[in-house]
Amino acid sequence: MLLMAVALVYPAAGFAQEAPKFFLSNFEGKRFDSRKHQGPYVVSFFFVNCPPCVKEMPALQELMEMDLPGVPLLFIDPVKDDTRESIKRFVRKINVSLTYVYHDAFGRVGKKFNGGKFFREFPTIIAVKGNSVVFRLVGSQEFNDRLKRKFIRLATP
């Protein structure tokens, strides 16, 4: 069963503290390779039947575009049963750009970030800076000023 919870979680036992190495191509064919990327990036795991994702994904996209335009954002669907077409329909419905959308059909990337286990809590946002997971947000988030400042710190040296 997939759970939706609300929490701010810093890397802890069972979760990757060092950012894992991975590569994926988005729905527009552009490849993101964490091994070659030197700056910070944000990953948000979602699935197409995730009610909190409907609100959170557009808000996160807006935050990233307005306050962190040079920081890559990856919306990754790690659910095998979600097809490319169902993902496209979902993100169009919530007005999220396909530029940011990736499908990890076998959950490999998600498992790397989640101690070798499939994600069960959605949405989950993971912020990476350098080679480290800086913070992890589990469940629906309100992008208030405090949380926005946390994201903005990603872009500061």
N, C-alpha and C. Protein backbone atom coordinates (compact mmCIF):
# COMPACT_ATOMS: atom_id res chain seq x y z
N MET A 1 0.85 -1.17 0.00
CA MET A 1 0.00 0.00 0.00
C MET A 1 0.89 1.24 0.00
N LEU A 2 0.53 2.20 -0.80
CA LEU A 2 1.29 3.44 -0.86
C LEU A 2 0.75 4.39 0.20
N LEU A 3 1.64 5.02 0.93
CA LEU A 3 1.25 5.92 2.00
C LEU A 3 1.56 7.35 1.64
N MET A 4 0.75 8.24 2.13
CA MET A 4 1.03 9.65 1.99
C MET A 4 1.11 10.24 3.38
N ALA A 5 2.26 10.79 3.72
CA ALA A 5 2.49 11.32 5.06
C ALA A 5 3.11 12.70 4.95
N VAL A 6 3.14 13.39 6.06
CA VAL A 6 3.75 14.71 6.08
C VAL A 6 4.90 14.69 7.07
N ALA A 7 6.10 15.02 6.57
CA ALA A 7 7.25 15.05 7.47
C ALA A 7 8.42 15.71 6.78
N LEU A 8 9.29 16.25 7.57
CA LEU A 8 10.58 16.74 7.09
C LEU A 8 11.58 15.78 7.67
N VAL A 9 12.29 15.10 6.79
CA VAL A 9 13.21 14.07 7.25
C VAL A 9 14.60 14.39 6.75
N TYR A 10 15.53 14.44 7.65
CA TYR A 10 16.92 14.57 7.27
C TYR A 10 17.45 13.17 7.06
N PRO A 11 18.48 13.01 6.23
CA PRO A 11 18.98 11.68 5.97
C PRO A 11 19.27 10.93 7.27
N ALA A 12 18.83 9.70 7.32
CA ALA A 12 19.00 8.87 8.51
C ALA A 12 19.30 7.45 8.08
N ALA A 13 19.44 6.58 9.05
CA ALA A 13 19.73 5.18 8.76
C ALA A 13 18.70 4.63 7.78
N GLY A 14 19.16 3.84 6.82
CA GLY A 14 18.27 3.25 5.84
C GLY A 14 18.08 4.10 4.61
N PHE A 15 18.41 5.38 4.68
CA PHE A 15 18.29 6.26 3.53
C PHE A 15 19.68 6.62 3.03
N ALA A 16 19.80 6.83 1.75
CA ALA A 16 21.08 7.23 1.19
C ALA A 16 21.46 8.61 1.73
N GLN A 17 22.64 8.72 2.27
CA GLN A 17 23.14 10.02 2.71
C GLN A 17 24.06 10.60 1.67
N GLU A 18 24.79 9.74 1.01
CA GLU A 18 25.57 10.17 -0.14
C GLU A 18 24.63 10.04 -1.34
N ALA A 19 24.63 11.06 -2.16
CA ALA A 19 23.73 11.04 -3.32
C ALA A 19 24.15 9.91 -4.25
N PRO A 20 23.20 9.07 -4.65
CA PRO A 20 23.55 7.97 -5.54
C PRO A 20 23.82 8.45 -6.96
N LYS A 21 24.53 7.65 -7.68
CA LYS A 21 24.83 7.93 -9.08
C LYS A 21 23.74 7.28 -9.94
N PHE A 22 23.22 8.04 -10.89
CA PHE A 22 22.17 7.53 -11.78
C PHE A 22 22.08 8.39 -13.02
N PHE A 23 21.39 7.89 -14.02
CA PHE A 23 21.04 8.70 -15.18
C PHE A 23 19.66 8.27 -15.66
N LEU A 24 18.92 9.24 -16.18
CA LEU A 24 17.58 9.03 -16.72
C LEU A 24 17.35 10.04 -17.83
N SER A 25 16.47 9.70 -18.75
CA SER A 25 16.05 10.65 -19.78
C SER A 25 14.63 11.10 -19.50
N ASN A 26 14.39 12.40 -19.71
CA ASN A 26 13.05 12.92 -19.47
C ASN A 26 12.14 12.61 -20.66
N PHE A 27 10.91 13.06 -20.58
CA PHE A 27 9.93 12.77 -21.62
C PHE A 27 10.23 13.50 -22.93
N GLU A 28 11.14 14.45 -22.89
CA GLU A 28 11.55 15.15 -24.10
C GLU A 28 12.87 14.60 -24.64
N GLY A 29 13.39 13.54 -24.03
CA GLY A 29 14.61 12.90 -24.50
C GLY A 29 15.90 13.45 -23.93
N LYS A 30 15.83 14.45 -23.07
CA LYS A 30 17.04 15.03 -22.48
C LYS A 30 17.49 14.16 -21.31
N ARG A 31 18.77 13.87 -21.28
CA ARG A 31 19.33 12.99 -20.27
C ARG A 31 19.91 13.77 -19.10
N PHE A 32 19.60 13.32 -17.88
CA PHE A 32 20.23 13.85 -16.67
C PHE A 32 21.14 12.76 -16.14
N ASP A 33 22.41 13.12 -15.91
CA ASP A 33 23.39 12.16 -15.40
C ASP A 33 24.01 12.76 -14.14
N SER A 34 23.66 12.21 -13.00
CA SER A 34 24.17 12.75 -11.73
C SER A 34 25.68 12.63 -11.62
N ARG A 35 26.27 11.69 -12.35
CA ARG A 35 27.73 11.52 -12.30
C ARG A 35 28.44 12.70 -12.95
N LYS A 36 27.78 13.33 -13.90
CA LYS A 36 28.39 14.45 -14.63
C LYS A 36 27.91 15.81 -14.13
N HIS A 37 26.81 15.81 -13.38
CA HIS A 37 26.25 17.08 -12.90
C HIS A 37 27.00 17.52 -11.64
N GLN A 38 27.51 18.75 -11.65
CA GLN A 38 28.32 19.24 -10.54
C GLN A 38 27.55 20.04 -9.51
N GLY A 39 26.42 20.61 -9.87
CA GLY A 39 25.69 21.48 -8.96
C GLY A 39 24.58 20.76 -8.22
N PRO A 40 23.77 21.54 -7.48
CA PRO A 40 22.64 20.95 -6.76
C PRO A 40 21.53 20.53 -7.73
N TYR A 41 20.66 19.66 -7.25
CA TYR A 41 19.46 19.29 -7.99
C TYR A 41 18.40 18.79 -7.01
N VAL A 42 17.16 18.77 -7.49
CA VAL A 42 16.03 18.35 -6.66
C VAL A 42 15.28 17.25 -7.39
N VAL A 43 15.01 16.17 -6.65
CA VAL A 43 14.25 15.04 -7.17
C VAL A 43 12.94 14.96 -6.39
N SER A 44 11.84 14.78 -7.12
CA SER A 44 10.54 14.60 -6.48
C SER A 44 9.91 13.32 -7.03
N PHE A 45 9.70 12.35 -6.16
CA PHE A 45 9.08 11.09 -6.56
C PHE A 45 7.56 11.20 -6.43
N PHE A 46 6.86 10.76 -7.47
CA PHE A 46 5.40 10.87 -7.53
C PHE A 46 4.84 9.64 -8.25
N PHE A 47 3.54 9.51 -8.28
CA PHE A 47 2.87 8.54 -9.14
C PHE A 47 1.55 9.15 -9.59
N VAL A 48 0.95 8.58 -10.63
CA VAL A 48 -0.19 9.24 -11.27
C VAL A 48 -1.47 9.28 -10.44
N ASN A 49 -1.61 8.46 -9.45
CA ASN A 49 -2.82 8.49 -8.62
C ASN A 49 -2.52 9.05 -7.23
N CYS A 50 -1.62 10.00 -7.16
CA CYS A 50 -1.17 10.58 -5.89
C CYS A 50 -1.90 11.90 -5.66
N PRO A 51 -2.94 11.91 -4.81
CA PRO A 51 -3.68 13.16 -4.59
C PRO A 51 -2.81 14.34 -4.11
N PRO A 52 -1.88 14.17 -3.15
CA PRO A 52 -1.08 15.32 -2.74
C PRO A 52 -0.15 15.84 -3.84
N CYS A 53 0.21 14.97 -4.78
CA CYS A 53 1.10 15.38 -5.87
C CYS A 53 0.43 16.40 -6.79
N VAL A 54 -0.90 16.34 -6.89
CA VAL A 54 -1.65 17.25 -7.74
C VAL A 54 -1.38 18.70 -7.35
N LYS A 55 -1.30 18.97 -6.08
CA LYS A 55 -1.05 20.33 -5.59
C LYS A 55 0.45 20.63 -5.50
N GLU A 56 1.20 19.66 -5.02
CA GLU A 56 2.61 19.90 -4.74
C GLU A 56 3.49 20.06 -5.98
N MET A 57 3.27 19.25 -7.00
CA MET A 57 4.15 19.30 -8.17
C MET A 57 4.13 20.67 -8.87
N PRO A 58 2.97 21.24 -9.15
CA PRO A 58 2.99 22.57 -9.78
C PRO A 58 3.61 23.63 -8.86
N ALA A 59 3.39 23.52 -7.56
CA ALA A 59 3.98 24.49 -6.62
C ALA A 59 5.50 24.36 -6.59
N LEU A 60 6.00 23.14 -6.61
CA LEU A 60 7.45 22.93 -6.63
C LEU A 60 8.05 23.42 -7.94
N GLN A 61 7.38 23.14 -9.05
CA GLN A 61 7.86 23.63 -10.34
C GLN A 61 7.95 25.15 -10.34
N GLU A 62 6.93 25.82 -9.82
CA GLU A 62 6.92 27.28 -9.77
C GLU A 62 8.06 27.80 -8.89
N LEU A 63 8.24 27.20 -7.72
CA LEU A 63 9.33 27.59 -6.83
C LEU A 63 10.68 27.47 -7.52
N MET A 64 10.90 26.34 -8.16
CA MET A 64 12.19 26.11 -8.82
C MET A 64 12.41 27.08 -9.98
N GLU A 65 11.39 27.31 -10.78
CA GLU A 65 11.52 28.22 -11.92
C GLU A 65 11.73 29.66 -11.48
N MET A 66 11.07 30.07 -10.40
CA MET A 66 11.17 31.46 -9.94
C MET A 66 12.43 31.72 -9.12
N ASP A 67 12.73 30.83 -8.18
CA ASP A 67 13.80 31.09 -7.22
C ASP A 67 15.10 30.34 -7.50
N LEU A 68 15.03 29.24 -8.25
CA LEU A 68 16.23 28.43 -8.52
C LEU A 68 16.25 27.99 -9.99
N PRO A 69 16.21 28.93 -10.92
CA PRO A 69 16.06 28.56 -12.33
C PRO A 69 17.21 27.72 -12.89
N GLY A 70 18.39 27.76 -12.30
CA GLY A 70 19.51 26.97 -12.81
C GLY A 70 19.66 25.61 -12.15
N VAL A 71 18.81 25.31 -11.18
CA VAL A 71 18.91 24.05 -10.45
C VAL A 71 17.95 23.03 -11.10
N PRO A 72 18.48 21.90 -11.57
CA PRO A 72 17.61 20.90 -12.21
C PRO A 72 16.56 20.35 -11.25
N LEU A 73 15.37 20.15 -11.80
CA LEU A 73 14.25 19.55 -11.09
C LEU A 73 13.86 18.29 -11.84
N LEU A 74 13.78 17.18 -11.13
CA LEU A 74 13.42 15.91 -11.74
C LEU A 74 12.19 15.35 -11.03
N PHE A 75 11.06 15.33 -11.72
CA PHE A 75 9.86 14.66 -11.21
C PHE A 75 9.97 13.22 -11.72
N ILE A 76 10.20 12.27 -10.82
CA ILE A 76 10.41 10.89 -11.22
C ILE A 76 9.26 10.02 -10.74
N ASP A 77 8.64 9.32 -11.69
CA ASP A 77 7.61 8.33 -11.38
C ASP A 77 8.28 6.96 -11.35
N PRO A 78 8.39 6.34 -10.15
CA PRO A 78 9.06 5.05 -10.04
C PRO A 78 8.12 3.84 -10.08
N VAL A 79 6.89 4.05 -10.53
CA VAL A 79 5.88 2.99 -10.47
C VAL A 79 5.78 2.29 -11.83
N LYS A 80 6.03 1.01 -11.82
CA LYS A 80 6.04 0.21 -13.05
C LYS A 80 4.71 0.27 -13.79
N ASP A 81 3.59 0.23 -13.04
CA ASP A 81 2.26 0.20 -13.67
C ASP A 81 1.85 1.52 -14.30
N ASP A 82 2.53 2.60 -13.99
CA ASP A 82 2.24 3.89 -14.63
C ASP A 82 2.88 3.91 -16.02
N THR A 83 2.04 4.03 -17.03
CA THR A 83 2.55 4.05 -18.40
C THR A 83 2.99 5.46 -18.79
N ARG A 84 3.76 5.54 -19.85
CA ARG A 84 4.16 6.87 -20.35
C ARG A 84 2.93 7.72 -20.65
N GLU A 85 1.92 7.12 -21.25
CA GLU A 85 0.71 7.87 -21.59
C GLU A 85 -0.04 8.32 -20.35
N SER A 86 -0.16 7.47 -19.34
CA SER A 86 -0.87 7.88 -18.12
C SER A 86 -0.11 8.98 -17.39
N ILE A 87 1.21 8.92 -17.43
CA ILE A 87 2.03 9.97 -16.82
C ILE A 87 1.84 11.28 -17.57
N LYS A 88 1.87 11.22 -18.90
CA LYS A 88 1.67 12.44 -19.71
C LYS A 88 0.31 13.06 -19.42
N ARG A 89 -0.74 12.24 -19.36
CA ARG A 89 -2.08 12.76 -19.06
C ARG A 89 -2.11 13.42 -17.69
N PHE A 90 -1.49 12.78 -16.70
CA PHE A 90 -1.47 13.31 -15.34
C PHE A 90 -0.78 14.66 -15.28
N VAL A 91 0.42 14.77 -15.86
CA VAL A 91 1.15 16.04 -15.75
C VAL A 91 0.51 17.14 -16.58
N ARG A 92 -0.12 16.78 -17.68
CA ARG A 92 -0.85 17.81 -18.44
C ARG A 92 -2.03 18.34 -17.62
N LYS A 93 -2.72 17.43 -16.95
CA LYS A 93 -3.88 17.80 -16.13
C LYS A 93 -3.49 18.77 -15.02
N ILE A 94 -2.31 18.59 -14.44
CA ILE A 94 -1.89 19.45 -13.33
C ILE A 94 -0.97 20.58 -13.79
N ASN A 95 -0.78 20.68 -15.12
CA ASN A 95 -0.02 21.78 -15.71
C ASN A 95 1.45 21.79 -15.29
N VAL A 96 2.08 20.63 -15.38
CA VAL A 96 3.51 20.49 -15.12
C VAL A 96 4.19 20.20 -16.46
N SER A 97 5.32 20.83 -16.70
CA SER A 97 6.04 20.67 -17.95
C SER A 97 6.70 19.29 -18.06
N LEU A 98 6.56 18.68 -19.22
CA LEU A 98 7.21 17.38 -19.46
C LEU A 98 8.74 17.48 -19.41
N THR A 99 9.27 18.69 -19.49
CA THR A 99 10.71 18.90 -19.38
C THR A 99 11.26 18.32 -18.08
N TYR A 100 10.45 18.35 -17.03
CA TYR A 100 10.89 17.92 -15.70
C TYR A 100 10.52 16.48 -15.37
N VAL A 101 9.83 15.78 -16.28
CA VAL A 101 9.23 14.48 -15.95
C VAL A 101 10.05 13.32 -16.49
N TYR A 102 10.28 12.34 -15.59
CA TYR A 102 11.06 11.14 -15.90
C TYR A 102 10.27 9.93 -15.43
N HIS A 103 10.41 8.81 -16.16
CA HIS A 103 9.78 7.56 -15.72
C HIS A 103 10.87 6.55 -15.42
N ASP A 104 10.91 6.10 -14.19
CA ASP A 104 11.85 5.09 -13.72
C ASP A 104 11.04 3.82 -13.52
N ALA A 105 10.65 3.19 -14.63
CA ALA A 105 9.67 2.10 -14.62
C ALA A 105 10.03 0.94 -13.70
N PHE A 106 11.30 0.72 -13.44
CA PHE A 106 11.69 -0.39 -12.58
C PHE A 106 12.10 0.07 -11.19
N GLY A 107 11.96 1.38 -10.92
CA GLY A 107 12.24 1.91 -9.59
C GLY A 107 13.70 1.90 -9.19
N ARG A 108 14.61 1.77 -10.15
CA ARG A 108 16.04 1.68 -9.82
C ARG A 108 16.57 2.94 -9.14
N VAL A 109 16.19 4.09 -9.66
CA VAL A 109 16.67 5.35 -9.08
C VAL A 109 16.07 5.53 -7.69
N GLY A 110 14.78 5.30 -7.58
CA GLY A 110 14.12 5.41 -6.29
C GLY A 110 14.76 4.52 -5.24
N LYS A 111 15.06 3.29 -5.62
CA LYS A 111 15.69 2.36 -4.67
C LYS A 111 17.07 2.85 -4.25
N LYS A 112 17.79 3.50 -5.15
CA LYS A 112 19.11 4.02 -4.79
C LYS A 112 18.99 5.11 -3.73
N PHE A 113 17.95 5.91 -3.82
CA PHE A 113 17.74 6.98 -2.84
C PHE A 113 17.07 6.47 -1.56
N ASN A 114 16.54 5.25 -1.59
CA ASN A 114 15.72 4.78 -0.49
C ASN A 114 16.25 3.48 0.13
N GLY A 115 17.55 3.39 0.28
CA GLY A 115 18.14 2.24 0.96
C GLY A 115 17.84 0.91 0.32
N GLY A 116 17.72 0.87 -1.01
CA GLY A 116 17.47 -0.38 -1.72
C GLY A 116 16.02 -0.83 -1.76
N LYS A 117 15.12 -0.01 -1.22
CA LYS A 117 13.70 -0.38 -1.17
C LYS A 117 12.88 0.51 -2.10
N PHE A 118 11.76 -0.03 -2.58
CA PHE A 118 10.85 0.77 -3.39
C PHE A 118 10.20 1.84 -2.52
N PHE A 119 9.94 3.00 -3.11
CA PHE A 119 9.23 4.05 -2.39
C PHE A 119 7.81 3.61 -2.09
N ARG A 120 7.35 3.95 -0.90
CA ARG A 120 5.98 3.66 -0.48
C ARG A 120 5.27 4.93 -0.01
N GLU A 121 6.00 6.04 0.11
CA GLU A 121 5.42 7.30 0.58
C GLU A 121 5.61 8.36 -0.50
N PHE A 122 4.50 8.95 -0.89
CA PHE A 122 4.52 9.95 -1.95
C PHE A 122 3.72 11.17 -1.54
N PRO A 123 4.11 12.32 -2.02
CA PRO A 123 5.36 12.59 -2.73
C PRO A 123 6.55 12.59 -1.77
N THR A 124 7.71 12.36 -2.32
CA THR A 124 8.96 12.48 -1.58
C THR A 124 9.90 13.36 -2.39
N ILE A 125 10.35 14.43 -1.77
CA ILE A 125 11.29 15.36 -2.40
C ILE A 125 12.65 15.17 -1.75
N ILE A 126 13.68 15.09 -2.59
CA ILE A 126 15.05 14.93 -2.10
C ILE A 126 15.90 16.02 -2.73
N ALA A 127 16.59 16.77 -1.89
CA ALA A 127 17.48 17.83 -2.36
C ALA A 127 18.92 17.35 -2.25
N VAL A 128 19.67 17.54 -3.32
CA VAL A 128 21.06 17.09 -3.38
C VAL A 128 21.95 18.29 -3.65
N LYS A 129 23.04 18.35 -2.92
CA LYS A 129 24.05 19.39 -3.13
C LYS A 129 25.41 18.72 -3.02
N GLY A 130 26.22 18.91 -4.04
CA GLY A 130 27.49 18.19 -4.06
C GLY A 130 27.19 16.71 -4.22
N ASN A 131 27.77 15.92 -3.36
CA ASN A 131 27.51 14.48 -3.39
C ASN A 131 26.62 14.03 -2.24
N SER A 132 25.95 14.98 -1.58
CA SER A 132 25.18 14.65 -0.39
C SER A 132 23.70 14.96 -0.52
N VAL A 133 22.90 14.11 0.10
CA VAL A 133 21.47 14.40 0.25
C VAL A 133 21.39 15.42 1.38
N VAL A 134 20.88 16.61 1.05
CA VAL A 134 20.82 17.71 2.02
C VAL A 134 19.58 17.59 2.89
N PHE A 135 18.44 17.34 2.25
CA PHE A 135 17.22 17.09 3.01
C PHE A 135 16.25 16.27 2.19
N ARG A 136 15.29 15.70 2.90
CA ARG A 136 14.26 14.86 2.32
C ARG A 136 12.93 15.31 2.91
N LEU A 137 11.95 15.54 2.05
CA LEU A 137 10.61 15.93 2.49
C LEU A 137 9.65 14.82 2.08
N VAL A 138 8.94 14.28 3.04
CA VAL A 138 8.02 13.19 2.77
C VAL A 138 6.59 13.68 2.98
N GLY A 139 5.75 13.47 1.98
CA GLY A 139 4.35 13.87 2.07
C GLY A 139 4.12 15.26 1.52
N SER A 140 2.89 15.66 1.53
CA SER A 140 2.48 16.94 0.97
C SER A 140 3.12 18.10 1.72
N GLN A 141 3.62 19.06 0.97
CA GLN A 141 4.32 20.21 1.55
C GLN A 141 3.63 21.52 1.18
N GLU A 142 3.62 22.45 2.10
CA GLU A 142 3.21 23.82 1.83
C GLU A 142 4.49 24.61 1.63
N PHE A 143 4.63 25.23 0.50
CA PHE A 143 5.86 25.95 0.20
C PHE A 143 5.82 27.35 0.82
N ASN A 144 5.91 27.38 2.14
CA ASN A 144 5.92 28.64 2.89
C ASN A 144 7.33 29.24 2.84
N ASP A 145 7.50 30.40 3.44
CA ASP A 145 8.79 31.10 3.39
C ASP A 145 9.92 30.28 3.99
N ARG A 146 9.66 29.59 5.09
CA ARG A 146 10.70 28.78 5.73
C ARG A 146 11.19 27.68 4.80
N LEU A 147 10.26 27.00 4.15
CA LEU A 147 10.63 25.93 3.24
C LEU A 147 11.30 26.49 1.98
N LYS A 148 10.82 27.62 1.50
CA LYS A 148 11.46 28.25 0.34
C LYS A 148 12.92 28.60 0.63
N ARG A 149 13.18 29.11 1.83
CA ARG A 149 14.57 29.44 2.21
C ARG A 149 15.44 28.19 2.22
N LYS A 150 14.90 27.09 2.65
CA LYS A 150 15.63 25.81 2.66
C LYS A 150 16.05 25.44 1.23
N PHE A 151 15.13 25.60 0.29
CA PHE A 151 15.45 25.32 -1.11
C PHE A 151 16.48 26.31 -1.66
N ILE A 152 16.29 27.58 -1.37
CA ILE A 152 17.20 28.61 -1.89
C ILE A 152 18.63 28.40 -1.42
N ARG A 153 18.79 27.88 -0.20
CA ARG A 153 20.14 27.59 0.31
C ARG A 153 20.88 26.57 -0.55
N LEU A 154 20.15 25.79 -1.33
CA LEU A 154 20.80 24.83 -2.22
C LEU A 154 21.72 25.53 -3.22
N ALA A 155 21.32 26.71 -3.64
CA ALA A 155 22.07 27.42 -4.68
C ALA A 155 23.20 28.27 -4.13
N THR A 156 23.32 28.35 -2.82
CA THR A 156 24.40 29.15 -2.23
C THR A 156 25.60 28.26 -1.94
N PRO A 157 26.81 28.81 -2.16
CA PRO A 157 28.02 27.99 -1.93
C PRO A 157 28.23 27.63 -0.48
